[in-house]
Amino acid sequence: MTLSGQASGRERVVAERDRCVGAGQCVLAAPTVFDQGEEDGLVLVLAERPPASHRDAVREAVWSCPSGALTLR
C-alpha cells in the first residue's frame, strides 16, 4: 500500500498489474474506480483521476490491497 501526497482533487490512481493477485478488495471498496479483468482477474483502473467525492473509497482500496499493487499519487 502506498499513499503519497495530500488529498487535493488532483490525485491519480496507479495500478501495477504485475503485482496484483486478483483479490478484488479494490473493487469492493471503490467499484466505480476499479474493476477486474474478465480473463485474468487483475485490477483495471476505470478512473485514473477519480473525483474528490470518491477519495475515501479510493484510499480504502489502496490501503486494503493485499499485494500493494495500488498507489495514490
Protein backbone atom coordinates (compact mmCIF):
# COMPACT_ATOMS: atom_id res chain seq x y z
CA MET A 1 0.00 0.00 0.00
CA THR A 2 1.26 3.42 -0.86
CA LEU A 3 -0.45 6.73 -0.20
CA SER A 4 1.66 9.65 -1.33
CA GLY A 5 0.76 13.31 -1.49
CA GLN A 6 -2.17 15.13 0.02
CA ALA A 7 -5.83 14.95 -0.90
CA SER A 8 -6.10 17.77 -3.37
CA GLY A 9 -8.52 16.55 -6.01
CA ARG A 10 -5.54 16.10 -8.32
CA GLU A 11 -4.71 12.61 -7.12
CA ARG A 12 -4.01 9.88 -9.64
CA VAL A 13 -4.53 6.16 -9.16
CA VAL A 14 -1.75 3.89 -10.42
CA ALA A 15 -2.10 0.11 -10.55
CA GLU A 16 0.80 -2.27 -11.05
CA ARG A 17 -0.93 -5.21 -12.72
CA ASP A 18 2.19 -7.35 -12.44
CA ARG A 19 1.90 -7.13 -8.62
CA CYS A 20 -1.88 -7.69 -8.50
CA VAL A 21 -3.06 -11.03 -7.08
CA GLY A 22 -6.71 -10.57 -8.10
CA ALA A 23 -8.12 -10.41 -4.55
CA GLY A 24 -10.73 -7.84 -5.62
CA GLN A 25 -10.58 -5.72 -2.46
CA CYS A 26 -10.23 -2.60 -4.61
CA VAL A 27 -13.44 -3.38 -6.47
CA LEU A 28 -15.30 -3.94 -3.21
CA ALA A 29 -14.05 -0.64 -1.78
CA ALA A 30 -14.44 1.55 -4.88
CA PRO A 31 -16.43 -0.16 -7.66
CA THR A 32 -16.74 2.99 -9.75
CA VAL A 33 -12.95 3.37 -9.85
CA PHE A 34 -11.73 -0.25 -10.09
CA ASP A 35 -12.73 -3.43 -11.87
CA GLN A 36 -11.12 -6.77 -12.59
CA GLY A 37 -10.22 -8.18 -15.98
CA GLU A 38 -12.58 -10.90 -17.16
CA GLU A 39 -9.80 -13.19 -18.35
CA ASP A 40 -7.12 -12.74 -15.70
CA GLY A 41 -8.98 -11.19 -12.74
CA LEU A 42 -6.34 -8.50 -12.37
CA VAL A 43 -7.07 -4.90 -11.43
CA LEU A 44 -8.34 -2.45 -14.01
CA VAL A 45 -8.45 1.26 -13.23
CA LEU A 46 -11.69 2.75 -14.57
CA ALA A 47 -10.98 6.31 -13.39
CA GLU A 48 -7.31 7.26 -13.18
CA ARG A 49 -8.23 10.62 -11.63
CA PRO A 50 -11.36 9.89 -9.60
CA PRO A 51 -13.48 12.77 -8.32
CA ALA A 52 -12.84 14.07 -4.80
CA SER A 53 -16.16 12.56 -3.72
CA HIS A 54 -14.61 9.09 -4.15
CA ARG A 55 -11.42 9.93 -2.25
CA ASP A 56 -12.23 7.94 0.90
CA ALA A 57 -13.24 4.84 -1.06
CA VAL A 58 -10.10 5.01 -3.19
CA ARG A 59 -7.90 5.38 -0.12
CA GLU A 60 -9.63 2.35 1.41
CA ALA A 61 -8.96 0.39 -1.78
CA VAL A 62 -5.27 1.33 -1.77
CA TRP A 63 -4.95 0.51 1.93
CA SER A 64 -6.71 -2.85 1.62
CA CYS A 65 -4.80 -4.13 -1.43
CA PRO A 66 -3.01 -7.27 -0.15
CA SER A 67 -0.28 -7.12 -2.80
CA GLY A 68 0.42 -3.39 -2.63
CA ALA A 69 -0.36 -3.04 -6.32
CA LEU A 70 -2.16 0.30 -5.92
CA THR A 71 -0.68 3.75 -5.44
CA LEU A 72 -2.42 7.07 -4.98
CA ARG A 73 -0.21 9.93 -6.14
